[in-house]
C-alpha atoms as a PDB file:
ATOM      1  CA  MET A   1     126.849 128.068 105.877  1.00  0.00           C
ATOM      2  CA  GLU A   2     126.248 129.629 102.433  1.00  0.00           C
ATOM      3  CA  ALA A   3     124.727 126.392 101.147  1.00  0.00           C
ATOM      4  CA  ALA A   4     122.384 126.303 104.142  1.00  0.00           C
ATOM      5  CA  LYS A   5     121.354 129.919 103.507  1.00  0.00           C
ATOM      6  CA  ARG A   6     120.559 129.125  99.870  1.00  0.00           C
ATOM      7  CA  LYS A   7     118.372 126.204 100.960  1.00  0.00           C
ATOM      8  CA  ALA A   8     116.581 128.435 103.460  1.00  0.00           C
ATOM      9  CA  LYS A   9     115.978 131.023 100.729  1.00  0.00           C
ATOM     10  CA  VAL A  10     114.438 128.350  98.468  1.00  0.00           C
ATOM     11  CA  LEU A  11     112.103 127.260 101.269  1.00  0.00           C
ATOM     12  CA  MET A  12     111.037 130.844 101.963  1.00  0.00           C
ATOM     13  CA  GLU A  13     110.358 131.405  98.248  1.00  0.00           C
ATOM     14  CA  ALA A  14     108.055 128.366  98.316  1.00  0.00           C
ATOM     15  CA  LEU A  15     106.142 129.436 101.442  1.00  0.00           C
ATOM     16  CA  PRO A  16     103.612 131.840  99.852  1.00  0.00           C
ATOM     17  CA  TYR A  17     102.791 129.263  97.166  1.00  0.00           C
ATOM     18  CA  ILE A  18     102.305 126.518  99.763  1.00  0.00           C
ATOM     19  CA  LYS A  19      99.874 128.826 101.549  1.00  0.00           C
ATOM     20  CA  GLU A  20      98.103 129.747  98.294  1.00  0.00           C
ATOM     21  CA  TYR A  21      97.602 126.150  97.113  1.00  0.00           C
ATOM     22  CA  TYR A  22      96.782 124.592 100.477  1.00  0.00           C
ATOM     23  CA  GLY A  23      93.561 122.613 100.123  1.00  0.00           C
ATOM     24  CA  ARG A  24      93.405 123.208  96.350  1.00  0.00           C
ATOM     25  CA  THR A  25      93.102 120.478  93.702  1.00  0.00           C
ATOM     26  CA  VAL A  26      95.771 120.147  91.001  1.00  0.00           C
ATOM     27  CA  VAL A  27      95.217 117.740  88.081  1.00  0.00           C
ATOM     28  CA  VAL A  28      98.467 116.431  86.571  1.00  0.00           C
ATOM     29  CA  LYS A  29      98.623 114.600  83.252  1.00  0.00           C
ATOM     30  CA  PHE A  30     101.636 112.280  83.436  1.00  0.00           C
ATOM     31  CA  GLY A  31     103.033 111.212  80.086  1.00  0.00           C
ATOM     32  CA  GLY A  32     105.834 111.424  77.541  1.00  0.00           C
ATOM     33  CA  LYS A  33     109.430 110.429  78.169  1.00  0.00           C
ATOM     34  CA  ALA A  34     109.010 110.931  81.916  1.00  0.00           C
ATOM     35  CA  MET A  35     106.977 107.695  81.906  1.00  0.00           C
ATOM     36  CA  GLU A  36     109.799 105.847  80.132  1.00  0.00           C
ATOM     37  CA  SER A  37     112.589 106.721  82.582  1.00  0.00           C
ATOM     38  CA  GLU A  38     112.739 104.921  85.944  1.00  0.00           C
ATOM     39  CA  ALA A  39     114.638 107.828  87.487  1.00  0.00           C
ATOM     40  CA  LEU A  40     112.097 110.423  86.289  1.00  0.00           C
ATOM     41  CA  LYS A  41     109.187 108.267  87.468  1.00  0.00           C
ATOM     42  CA  GLU A  42     110.730 108.129  90.939  1.00  0.00           C
ATOM     43  CA  LEU A  43     111.179 111.912  90.980  1.00  0.00           C
ATOM     44  CA  PHE A  44     107.616 112.415  89.768  1.00  0.00           C
ATOM     45  CA  ALA A  45     106.287 110.207  92.568  1.00  0.00           C
ATOM     46  CA  SER A  46     108.292 112.085  95.199  1.00  0.00           C
ATOM     47  CA  ASP A  47     107.056 115.449  93.845  1.00  0.00           C
ATOM     48  CA  ILE A  48     103.444 114.246  94.050  1.00  0.00           C
ATOM     49  CA  VAL A  49     103.963 113.020  97.614  1.00  0.00           C
ATOM     50  CA  LEU A  50     105.502 116.344  98.672  1.00  0.00           C
ATOM     51  CA  MET A  51     102.533 118.164  97.146  1.00  0.00           C
ATOM     52  CA  ARG A  52     100.157 116.005  99.192  1.00  0.00           C
ATOM     53  CA  TYR A  53     102.072 116.478 102.436  1.00  0.00           C
ATOM     54  CA  VAL A  54     101.984 120.286 102.119  1.00  0.00           C
ATOM     55  CA  GLY A  55      98.199 120.195 101.733  1.00  0.00           C
ATOM     56  CA  ILE A  56      97.675 120.147  97.944  1.00  0.00           C
ATOM     57  CA  ASN A  57      95.234 117.607  96.476  1.00  0.00           C
ATOM     58  CA  PRO A  58      96.907 116.083  93.395  1.00  0.00           C
ATOM     59  CA  VAL A  59      94.924 114.005  90.892  1.00  0.00           C
ATOM     60  CA  ILE A  60      96.973 112.107  88.305  1.00  0.00           C
ATOM     61  CA  VAL A  61      95.796 111.131  84.821  1.00  0.00           C
ATOM     62  CA  HIS A  62      97.920 108.943  82.572  1.00  0.00           C
ATOM     63  CA  GLY A  63      97.916 107.278  79.188  1.00  0.00           C
ATOM     64  CA  GLY A  64     100.451 104.784  77.916  1.00  0.00           C
ATOM     65  CA  GLY A  65     100.530 104.715  74.124  1.00  0.00           C
ATOM     66  CA  PRO A  66     104.130 103.472  73.707  1.00  0.00           C
ATOM     67  CA  GLN A  67     103.569 100.738  76.290  1.00  0.00           C
ATOM     68  CA  ILE A  68     100.444  99.561  74.431  1.00  0.00           C
ATOM     69  CA  THR A  69     102.344  99.469  71.139  1.00  0.00           C
ATOM     70  CA  ARG A  70     105.204  97.435  72.623  1.00  0.00           C
ATOM     71  CA  PHE A  71     102.798  94.896  74.108  1.00  0.00           C
ATOM     72  CA  MET A  72     100.887  94.594  70.824  1.00  0.00           C
ATOM     73  CA  ASP A  73     104.163  93.959  69.006  1.00  0.00           C
ATOM     74  CA  LYS A  74     104.955  91.153  71.453  1.00  0.00           C
ATOM     75  CA  LEU A  75     101.552  89.585  70.784  1.00  0.00           C
ATOM     76  CA  GLY A  76     101.910  89.951  67.021  1.00  0.00           C
ATOM     77  CA  LEU A  77      98.917  92.302  66.766  1.00  0.00           C
ATOM     78  CA  LYS A  78      98.789  94.864  63.962  1.00  0.00           C
ATOM     79  CA  VAL A  79      99.294  98.464  65.086  1.00  0.00           C
ATOM     80  CA  ARG A  80      97.482 101.022  62.943  1.00  0.00           C
ATOM     81  CA  PHE A  81      97.127 104.790  63.301  1.00  0.00           C
ATOM     82  CA  VAL A  82      94.928 107.254  61.404  1.00  0.00           C
ATOM     83  CA  ASP A  83      95.828 110.934  61.770  1.00  0.00           C
ATOM     84  CA  GLY A  84      97.598 110.148  65.050  1.00  0.00           C
ATOM     85  CA  HIS A  85      94.691 108.121  66.490  1.00  0.00           C
ATOM     86  CA  ARG A  86      95.182 104.450  67.296  1.00  0.00           C
ATOM     87  CA  VAL A  87      92.608 102.319  65.476  1.00  0.00           C
ATOM     88  CA  THR A  88      91.217 100.217  68.320  1.00  0.00           C
ATOM     89  CA  ASP A  89      89.454  96.957  67.525  1.00  0.00           C
ATOM     90  CA  SER A  90      88.226  94.615  70.265  1.00  0.00           C
ATOM     91  CA  ALA A  91      91.612  92.865  70.637  1.00  0.00           C
ATOM     92  CA  THR A  92      93.450  96.203  70.839  1.00  0.00           C
ATOM     93  CA  MET A  93      90.923  97.437  73.400  1.00  0.00           C
ATOM     94  CA  GLU A  94      91.623  94.433  75.611  1.00  0.00           C
ATOM     95  CA  VAL A  95      95.370  95.073  75.371  1.00  0.00           C
ATOM     96  CA  ALA A  96      94.873  98.771  76.141  1.00  0.00           C
ATOM     97  CA  LYS A  97      92.880  97.961  79.288  1.00  0.00           C
ATOM     98  CA  MET A  98      95.412  95.356  80.365  1.00  0.00           C
ATOM     99  CA  VAL A  99      98.374  97.713  79.881  1.00  0.00           C
ATOM    100  CA  LEU A 100      96.841 100.976  81.127  1.00  0.00           C
ATOM    101  CA  VAL A 101      94.810  99.639  84.052  1.00  0.00           C
ATOM    102  CA  GLY A 102      96.717  96.496  84.973  1.00  0.00           C
ATOM    103  CA  LYS A 103     100.303  97.615  84.436  1.00  0.00           C
ATOM    104  CA  VAL A 104     100.970 101.345  84.029  1.00  0.00           C
ATOM    105  CA  ASN A 105      98.399 102.445  86.604  1.00  0.00           C
ATOM    106  CA  LYS A 106      99.633  99.992  89.206  1.00  0.00           C
ATOM    107  CA  GLU A 107     103.263 100.994  88.649  1.00  0.00           C
ATOM    108  CA  ILE A 108     102.462 104.661  89.339  1.00  0.00           C
ATOM    109  CA  VAL A 109     100.390 103.764  92.400  1.00  0.00           C
ATOM    110  CA  SER A 110     103.193 101.551  93.702  1.00  0.00           C
ATOM    111  CA  LEU A 111     105.813 104.284  93.281  1.00  0.00           C
ATOM    112  CA  ILE A 112     103.713 106.788  95.229  1.00  0.00           C
ATOM    113  CA  ASN A 113     102.801 104.279  97.904  1.00  0.00           C
ATOM    114  CA  GLY A 114     106.473 103.614  98.469  1.00  0.00           C
ATOM    115  CA  HIS A 115     106.258 106.825 100.515  1.00  0.00           C
ATOM    116  CA  GLY A 116     103.133 105.736 102.444  1.00  0.00           C
ATOM    117  CA  THR A 117      99.574 104.571 101.820  1.00  0.00           C
ATOM    118  CA  LEU A 118      98.598 107.525  99.678  1.00  0.00           C
ATOM    119  CA  ALA A 119      97.508 106.561  96.139  1.00  0.00           C
ATOM    120  CA  VAL A 120      94.491 104.688  94.753  1.00  0.00           C
ATOM    121  CA  GLY A 121      94.369 103.436  91.162  1.00  0.00           C
ATOM    122  CA  LEU A 122      91.223 103.884  89.034  1.00  0.00           C
ATOM    123  CA  SER A 123      90.040 103.785  85.467  1.00  0.00           C
ATOM    124  CA  GLY A 124      87.159 105.732  84.009  1.00  0.00           C
ATOM    125  CA  GLU A 125      85.036 102.594  84.341  1.00  0.00           C
ATOM    126  CA  ASP A 126      85.122 102.758  88.146  1.00  0.00           C
ATOM    127  CA  GLY A 127      81.965 104.389  89.469  1.00  0.00           C
ATOM    128  CA  ASN A 128      81.165 105.523  85.894  1.00  0.00           C
ATOM    129  CA  LEU A 129      83.851 108.141  86.441  1.00  0.00           C
ATOM    130  CA  ILE A 130      84.393 108.808  82.722  1.00  0.00           C
ATOM    131  CA  GLN A 131      81.302 108.397  80.562  1.00  0.00           C
ATOM    132  CA  ALA A 132      82.370 107.934  76.961  1.00  0.00           C
ATOM    133  CA  VAL A 133      80.904 108.302  73.504  1.00  0.00           C
ATOM    134  CA  LYS A 134      82.353 106.808  70.332  1.00  0.00           C
ATOM    135  CA  ARG A 135      84.533 109.270  68.454  1.00  0.00           C
ATOM    136  CA  ARG A 136      83.561 110.227  64.906  1.00  0.00           C
ATOM    137  CA  HIS A 137      86.778 111.029  63.092  1.00  0.00           C
ATOM    138  CA  VAL A 138      86.622 113.012  59.865  1.00  0.00           C
ATOM    139  CA  GLY A 139      89.969 113.562  58.144  1.00  0.00           C
ATOM    140  CA  GLU A 140      91.142 114.549  54.698  1.00  0.00           C
ATOM    141  CA  LYS A 141      89.940 111.210  53.304  1.00  0.00           C
ATOM    142  CA  GLY A 142      86.504 111.473  54.875  1.00  0.00           C
ATOM    143  CA  GLU A 143      85.129 109.688  57.912  1.00  0.00           C
ATOM    144  CA  THR A 144      87.154 106.807  59.383  1.00  0.00           C
ATOM    145  CA  ASP A 145      85.881 104.264  61.883  1.00  0.00           C
ATOM    146  CA  LEU A 146      88.521 104.235  64.635  1.00  0.00           C
ATOM    147  CA  GLY A 147      86.835 101.381  66.494  1.00  0.00           C
ATOM    148  CA  PHE A 148      86.661 101.718  70.269  1.00  0.00           C
ATOM    149  CA  VAL A 149      88.187 105.192  70.443  1.00  0.00           C
ATOM    150  CA  GLY A 150      86.087 107.565  72.491  1.00  0.00           C
ATOM    151  CA  ASP A 151      85.564 111.110  73.634  1.00  0.00           C
ATOM    152  CA  VAL A 152      84.523 112.230  77.102  1.00  0.00           C
ATOM    153  CA  LYS A 153      80.748 112.651  77.218  1.00  0.00           C
ATOM    154  CA  ALA A 154      80.495 113.416  80.946  1.00  0.00           C
ATOM    155  CA  VAL A 155      82.415 113.026  84.207  1.00  0.00           C
ATOM    156  CA  ASN A 156      81.007 111.790  87.511  1.00  0.00           C
ATOM    157  CA  PRO A 157      83.533 113.209  89.996  1.00  0.00           C
ATOM    158  CA  ARG A 158      81.908 111.848  93.160  1.00  0.00           C
ATOM    159  CA  ILE A 159      84.368 108.981  93.581  1.00  0.00           C
ATOM    160  CA  LEU A 160      87.286 111.425  93.200  1.00  0.00           C
ATOM    161  CA  ASP A 161      85.721 113.885  95.631  1.00  0.00           C
ATOM    162  CA  ASN A 162      85.416 111.099  98.211  1.00  0.00           C
ATOM    163  CA  LEU A 163      89.025 109.979  97.760  1.00  0.00           C
ATOM    164  CA  ILE A 164      90.319 113.552  97.994  1.00  0.00           C
ATOM    165  CA  ARG A 165      88.270 114.126 101.131  1.00  0.00           C
ATOM    166  CA  GLU A 166      89.942 111.062 102.680  1.00  0.00           C
ATOM    167  CA  GLU A 167      93.362 112.460 101.657  1.00  0.00           C
ATOM    168  CA  PHE A 168      94.104 109.851  98.983  1.00  0.00           C
ATOM    169  CA  ILE A 169      95.767 110.577  95.635  1.00  0.00           C
ATOM    170  CA  PRO A 170      93.620 109.297  92.730  1.00  0.00           C
ATOM    171  CA  VAL A 171      95.577 107.875  89.773  1.00  0.00           C
ATOM    172  CA  VAL A 172      93.266 107.600  86.744  1.00  0.00           C
ATOM    173  CA  ALA A 173      93.839 105.528  83.590  1.00  0.00           C
ATOM    174  CA  SER A 174      92.277 107.047  80.468  1.00  0.00           C
ATOM    175  CA  ILE A 175      89.650 104.383  79.782  1.00  0.00           C
ATOM    176  CA  GLY A 176      85.982 105.371  79.600  1.00  0.00           C
ATOM    177  CA  VAL A 177      82.716 103.458  79.360  1.00  0.00           C
ATOM    178  CA  ASP A 178      79.397 104.101  77.623  1.00  0.00           C
ATOM    179  CA  GLU A 179      75.880 103.470  78.903  1.00  0.00           C
ATOM    180  CA  LYS A 180      75.969  99.900  77.531  1.00  0.00           C
ATOM    181  CA  GLY A 181      79.163  99.039  79.416  1.00  0.00           C
ATOM    182  CA  GLN A 182      81.429  99.193  76.347  1.00  0.00           C
ATOM    183  CA  SER A 183      84.960 100.369  77.122  1.00  0.00           C
ATOM    184  CA  TYR A 184      86.690 103.060  75.057  1.00  0.00           C
ATOM    185  CA  ASN A 185      90.279 104.198  74.776  1.00  0.00           C
ATOM    186  CA  ILE A 186      90.353 107.990  75.261  1.00  0.00           C
ATOM    187  CA  ASN A 187      93.184 110.466  74.732  1.00  0.00           C
ATOM    188  CA  ALA A 188      94.637 111.104  78.205  1.00  0.00           C
ATOM    189  CA  ASP A 189      95.048 114.823  77.478  1.00  0.00           C
ATOM    190  CA  LEU A 190      91.303 115.126  76.945  1.00  0.00           C
ATOM    191  CA  VAL A 191      90.566 113.098  80.085  1.00  0.00           C
ATOM    192  CA  ALA A 192      92.829 115.322  82.189  1.00  0.00           C
ATOM    193  CA  GLY A 193      91.098 118.459  80.944  1.00  0.00           C
ATOM    194  CA  ALA A 194      87.635 116.999  81.555  1.00  0.00           C
ATOM    195  CA  LEU A 195      88.507 115.888  85.102  1.00  0.00           C
ATOM    196  CA  ALA A 196      90.049 119.277  85.915  1.00  0.00           C
ATOM    197  CA  SER A 197      86.866 120.991  84.746  1.00  0.00           C
ATOM    198  CA  ALA A 198      84.574 118.631  86.681  1.00  0.00           C
ATOM    199  CA  LEU A 199      86.633 119.010  89.869  1.00  0.00           C
ATOM    200  CA  ARG A 200      86.918 122.801  89.454  1.00  0.00           C
ATOM    201  CA  ALA A 201      90.647 122.305  89.920  1.00  0.00           C
ATOM    202  CA  ASP A 202      92.895 125.225  90.730  1.00  0.00           C
ATOM    203  CA  LYS A 203      95.470 124.020  88.214  1.00  0.00           C
ATOM    204  CA  LEU A 204      95.789 121.633  85.279  1.00  0.00           C
ATOM    205  CA  ILE A 205      99.375 120.643  84.458  1.00  0.00           C
ATOM    206  CA  TYR A 206     100.520 118.693  81.397  1.00  0.00           C
ATOM    207  CA  LEU A 207     103.928 117.016  81.603  1.00  0.00           C
ATOM    208  CA  THR A 208     105.339 116.815  78.065  1.00  0.00           C
ATOM    209  CA  ASP A 209     108.697 116.286  76.356  1.00  0.00           C
ATOM    210  CA  VAL A 210     109.202 119.960  75.433  1.00  0.00           C
ATOM    211  CA  ASP A 211     109.524 123.161  77.429  1.00  0.00           C
ATOM    212  CA  GLY A 212     106.104 124.528  76.431  1.00  0.00           C
ATOM    213  CA  ILE A 213     104.483 126.325  73.482  1.00  0.00           C
ATOM    214  CA  TYR A 214     106.762 128.003  70.941  1.00  0.00           C
ATOM    215  CA  ARG A 215     105.812 130.772  68.515  1.00  0.00           C
ATOM    216  CA  ASP A 216     108.306 129.246  66.084  1.00  0.00           C
ATOM    217  CA  LEU A 217     109.119 125.535  66.458  1.00  0.00           C
ATOM    218  CA  ALA A 218     112.532 126.117  64.871  1.00  0.00           C
ATOM    219  CA  ASP A 219     113.442 128.877  67.346  1.00  0.00           C
ATOM    220  CA  GLN A 220     114.139 127.624  70.871  1.00  0.00           C
ATOM    221  CA  GLY A 221     114.141 131.233  72.067  1.00  0.00           C
ATOM    222  CA  SER A 222     110.487 131.741  71.133  1.00  0.00           C
ATOM    223  CA  LEU A 223     108.984 129.942  74.142  1.00  0.00           C
ATOM    224  CA  ILE A 224     105.725 131.629  75.229  1.00  0.00           C
ATOM    225  CA  PRO A 225     105.621 131.859  79.048  1.00  0.00           C
ATOM    226  CA  GLU A 226     101.986 133.003  79.270  1.00  0.00           C
ATOM    227  CA  LEU A 227      98.903 132.948  77.029  1.00  0.00           C
ATOM    228  CA  GLY A 228      95.472 134.484  77.365  1.00  0.00           C
ATOM    229  CA  LEU A 229      92.505 132.422  76.200  1.00  0.00           C
ATOM    230  CA  GLU A 230      92.001 134.249  72.921  1.00  0.00           C
ATOM    231  CA  GLU A 231      95.652 133.957  71.909  1.00  0.00           C
ATOM    232  CA  ALA A 232      95.698 130.273  72.868  1.00  0.00           C
ATOM    233  CA  GLU A 233      92.628 129.628  70.695  1.00  0.00           C
ATOM    234  CA  GLU A 234      94.267 131.414  67.768  1.00  0.00           C
ATOM    235  CA  LEU A 235      97.300 129.133  68.089  1.00  0.00           C
ATOM    236  CA  VAL A 236      95.082 126.034  68.089  1.00  0.00           C
ATOM    237  CA  ARG A 237      93.341 127.228  64.916  1.00  0.00           C
ATOM    238  CA  GLY A 238      96.496 128.521  63.262  1.00  0.00           C
ATOM    239  CA  GLY A 239      98.037 125.188  62.281  1.00  0.00           C
ATOM    240  CA  THR A 240     101.543 126.017  63.542  1.00  0.00           C
ATOM    241  CA  LEU A 241     101.483 123.641  66.531  1.00  0.00           C
ATOM    242  CA  SER A 242     102.694 120.055  66.440  1.00  0.00           C
ATOM    243  CA  SER A 243      99.864 117.503  66.293  1.00  0.00           C
ATOM    244  CA  GLY A 244     100.611 116.267  69.818  1.00  0.00           C
ATOM    245  CA  MET A 245     100.402 119.764  71.278  1.00  0.00           C
ATOM    246  CA  ILE A 246      96.990 120.643  69.821  1.00  0.00           C
ATOM    247  CA  PRO A 247      94.852 118.482  72.177  1.00  0.00           C
ATOM    248  CA  LYS A 248      96.902 119.678  75.164  1.00  0.00           C
ATOM    249  CA  LEU A 249      96.445 123.360  74.393  1.00  0.00           C
ATOM    250  CA  GLN A 250      92.790 122.841  73.405  1.00  0.00           C
ATOM    251  CA  SER A 251      92.174 121.065  76.721  1.00  0.00           C
ATOM    252  CA  CYS A 252      93.897 123.927  78.556  1.00  0.00           C
ATOM    253  CA  VAL A 253      91.565 126.411  76.860  1.00  0.00           C
ATOM    254  CA  GLU A 254      88.417 124.407  77.616  1.00  0.00           C
ATOM    255  CA  ALA A 255      89.463 123.825  81.233  1.00  0.00           C
ATOM    256  CA  VAL A 256      90.153 127.508  81.892  1.00  0.00           C
ATOM    257  CA  ARG A 257      86.876 128.474  80.220  1.00  0.00           C
ATOM    258  CA  SER A 258      85.056 126.079  82.573  1.00  0.00           C
ATOM    259  CA  GLY A 259      86.584 127.530  85.732  1.00  0.00           C
ATOM    260  CA  VAL A 260      90.078 126.039  86.157  1.00  0.00           C
ATOM    261  CA  ARG A 261      92.204 128.975  87.311  1.00  0.00           C
ATOM    262  CA  ARG A 262      95.417 128.165  85.457  1.00  0.00           C
ATOM    263  CA  ALA A 263      96.565 125.508  82.972  1.00  0.00           C
ATOM    264  CA  HIS A 264     100.221 124.718  82.299  1.00  0.00           C
ATOM    265  CA  ILE A 265     102.267 122.834  79.705  1.00  0.00           C
ATOM    266  CA  ILE A 266     105.721 122.012  81.093  1.00  0.00           C
ATOM    267  CA  ASN A 267     108.673 119.747  80.375  1.00  0.00           C
ATOM    268  CA  GLY A 268     108.333 116.577  82.442  1.00  0.00           C
ATOM    269  CA  THR A 269     111.894 115.498  81.653  1.00  0.00           C
ATOM    270  CA  VAL A 270     113.211 118.350  83.832  1.00  0.00           C
ATOM    271  CA  GLU A 271     113.973 117.047  87.316  1.00  0.00           C
ATOM    272  CA  HIS A 272     111.316 118.170  89.836  1.00  0.00           C
ATOM    273  CA  ALA A 273     109.393 119.984  87.093  1.00  0.00           C
ATOM    274  CA  LEU A 274     106.207 120.064  89.172  1.00  0.00           C
ATOM    275  CA  LEU A 275     107.923 121.682  92.137  1.00  0.00           C
ATOM    276  CA  LEU A 276     109.619 124.267  89.914  1.00  0.00           C
ATOM    277  CA  GLU A 277     106.260 125.227  88.430  1.00  0.00           C
ATOM    278  CA  LEU A 278     104.311 125.283  91.686  1.00  0.00           C
ATOM    279  CA  PHE A 279     106.747 126.695  94.211  1.00  0.00           C
ATOM    280  CA  THR A 280     109.073 129.144  92.427  1.00  0.00           C
ATOM    281  CA  ASP A 281     108.528 132.750  91.375  1.00  0.00           C
ATOM    282  CA  ALA A 282     109.676 132.172  87.788  1.00  0.00           C
ATOM    283  CA  GLY A 283     107.876 128.887  87.153  1.00  0.00           C
ATOM    284  CA  ILE A 284     108.531 126.961  83.943  1.00  0.00           C
ATOM    285  CA  GLY A 285     106.742 126.179  80.686  1.00  0.00           C
ATOM    286  CA  THR A 286     103.688 127.903  79.222  1.00  0.00           C
ATOM    287  CA  MET A 287     100.700 129.001  81.307  1.00  0.00           C
ATOM    288  CA  VAL A 288      97.171 129.587  79.969  1.00  0.00           C
ATOM    289  CA  ARG A 289      95.131 132.042  82.037  1.00  0.00           C
ATOM    290  CA  PRO A 290      91.646 133.604  81.811  1.00  0.00           C
END
């Protein structure tokens, strides 16, 4: 009886959040170790399906850097990074499209559709969803040509709006295309932020391998549960964040500035992380607010 009462209490705690988010769009960037674990991928898919069945409109964005690297190693292709950016020649671009669009995207779609015909896989090339421009990278050693690495120039959300209206779950691979039809590999964190802004999403959620943003990386007790825009911008400029966290927090800031109500950085290796963030009073991770 006590166990049943505890379950009922959990459901009642979730009720006001289900009502609040009903009909709202939530963009989720799926990445990190959660993409490497079969068990965590299954849990992620079930969380997304539950969100859809209670009336939330999830949109998933994913990358797949480790998967690209493994496939390049198998093919004997040289893997090169500059300041954390993968140098992407034409051969690497073909591998990236094959892995992101043909493998990773379809795996996520398949996991979700194991619960019903719910998900549709896309890349930024479909319907000119993600219009790209070649990235100009200037580091300590001057400007470096990264090849076919891009930034988001514009987003055409119409195809996503149509899918959401028909109650599908879009799953978007982070490939963009320019006006000449050239494909570009784009950081999935940046894509997620751009899509959230274009869709005027209620929430943008990044699944990472850490619990959120820390004031001191060496102090696990310094997790910041909530940041205003100005404080978040100071952290981005301050140089204390890990290199992988900077584009996430920067994208959170830009998304909230453009109308996204809340942006979150949470630990995707925690079981049911999405549900804990969305449907509990305490939530998890770090939230960026206006």
